[in-house]
Amino acid sequence: MPKPSDIGKLGKLHTIGAQVKVKAEHKVLEGETLSHLALKYYGTAAKEAWMAIYEFNKAVIGDDPGKIRPGMELKIPELPAGE
């Protein structure tokens, strides 16, 4: 499970131009939310975690993180290494 300090870094990964590895690729199913995906892949549904997935996939999702649709192919970024 990620440390809280690592989760806080997730949302900044794209904005700072870091080379980010993809932890998984996920095809959205009916009823799933970004919080569900954060819980599945990071063990937490904290805003910082689902926002990291959103920011990493903003080109696919669009301007509203609450509007993911079934069939969307999202990439789940890997957590940065602990400090």
Protein backbone atom coordinates (compact mmCIF):
# COMPACT_ATOMS: atom_id res chain seq x y z
CA MET A 1 0.00 0.00 0.00
CA PRO A 2 1.36 3.46 -0.86
CA LYS A 3 2.41 5.88 1.81
CA PRO A 4 0.33 9.08 2.08
CA SER A 5 3.36 11.10 0.99
CA ASP A 6 3.60 9.06 -2.23
CA ILE A 7 -0.10 9.51 -3.04
CA GLY A 8 0.27 13.26 -2.76
CA LYS A 9 2.88 13.17 -5.54
CA LEU A 10 0.62 11.35 -7.98
CA GLY A 11 -1.36 14.36 -9.12
CA LYS A 12 1.82 16.22 -9.99
CA LEU A 13 3.36 13.51 -12.17
CA HIS A 14 2.12 14.83 -15.49
CA THR A 15 2.50 18.49 -14.67
CA ILE A 16 6.18 18.19 -13.75
CA GLY A 17 6.99 16.17 -16.88
CA ALA A 18 8.19 13.13 -14.98
CA GLN A 19 8.75 9.87 -16.81
CA VAL A 20 5.89 7.86 -15.43
CA LYS A 21 5.54 4.12 -15.79
CA VAL A 22 2.13 2.67 -16.43
CA LYS A 23 1.12 0.29 -13.66
CA ALA A 24 -1.88 -1.10 -15.55
CA GLU A 25 -4.33 -0.44 -18.34
CA HIS A 26 -7.98 -0.58 -17.38
CA LYS A 27 -11.11 -0.74 -19.50
CA VAL A 28 -13.86 1.06 -17.61
CA LEU A 29 -16.90 -1.04 -16.73
CA GLU A 30 -20.46 0.11 -16.10
CA GLY A 31 -20.77 1.79 -12.69
CA GLU A 32 -17.04 2.32 -12.09
CA THR A 33 -15.68 5.65 -10.93
CA LEU A 34 -12.17 7.00 -10.61
CA SER A 35 -12.48 6.40 -6.86
CA HIS A 36 -13.16 2.72 -7.56
CA LEU A 37 -10.07 2.52 -9.74
CA ALA A 38 -7.90 4.30 -7.17
CA LEU A 39 -9.04 1.88 -4.49
CA LYS A 40 -8.38 -1.11 -6.75
CA TYR A 41 -4.90 -0.07 -7.88
CA TYR A 42 -3.60 2.01 -4.94
CA GLY A 43 -5.55 0.67 -1.98
CA THR A 44 -7.12 4.07 -1.29
CA ALA A 45 -9.93 6.14 -2.76
CA ALA A 46 -8.40 9.40 -1.51
CA LYS A 47 -8.91 12.40 -3.77
CA GLU A 48 -5.18 12.62 -4.47
CA ALA A 49 -5.19 9.05 -5.79
CA TRP A 50 -8.18 9.31 -8.14
CA MET A 51 -7.07 12.76 -9.29
CA ALA A 52 -3.73 11.26 -10.33
CA ILE A 53 -5.57 8.79 -12.56
CA TYR A 54 -7.71 11.62 -13.92
CA GLU A 55 -4.76 13.92 -14.66
CA PHE A 56 -2.88 11.07 -16.33
CA ASN A 57 -5.91 10.34 -18.56
CA LYS A 58 -7.38 13.82 -19.00
CA ALA A 59 -7.07 13.65 -22.79
CA VAL A 60 -9.33 10.58 -22.78
CA ILE A 61 -11.74 11.59 -20.01
CA GLY A 62 -12.20 15.28 -20.81
CA ASP A 63 -12.82 18.19 -18.46
CA ASP A 64 -15.06 16.38 -15.95
CA PRO A 65 -13.49 13.60 -13.84
CA GLY A 66 -16.99 12.50 -12.82
CA LYS A 67 -17.87 11.50 -16.37
CA ILE A 68 -15.93 8.38 -17.18
CA ARG A 69 -17.81 6.02 -19.49
CA PRO A 70 -17.84 2.27 -19.94
CA GLY A 71 -15.35 1.20 -22.58
CA MET A 72 -12.84 3.99 -21.93
CA GLU A 73 -9.28 2.67 -21.88
CA LEU A 74 -7.41 4.31 -19.01
CA LYS A 75 -3.77 4.02 -18.03
CA ILE A 76 -3.01 3.75 -14.32
CA PRO A 77 0.25 5.51 -13.43
CA GLU A 78 2.71 3.76 -11.17
CA LEU A 79 3.43 5.36 -7.83
CA PRO A 80 6.74 7.18 -7.52
CA ALA A 81 9.42 5.36 -5.54
CA GLY A 82 9.32 6.10 -1.83
CA GLU A 83 11.74 8.68 -0.54
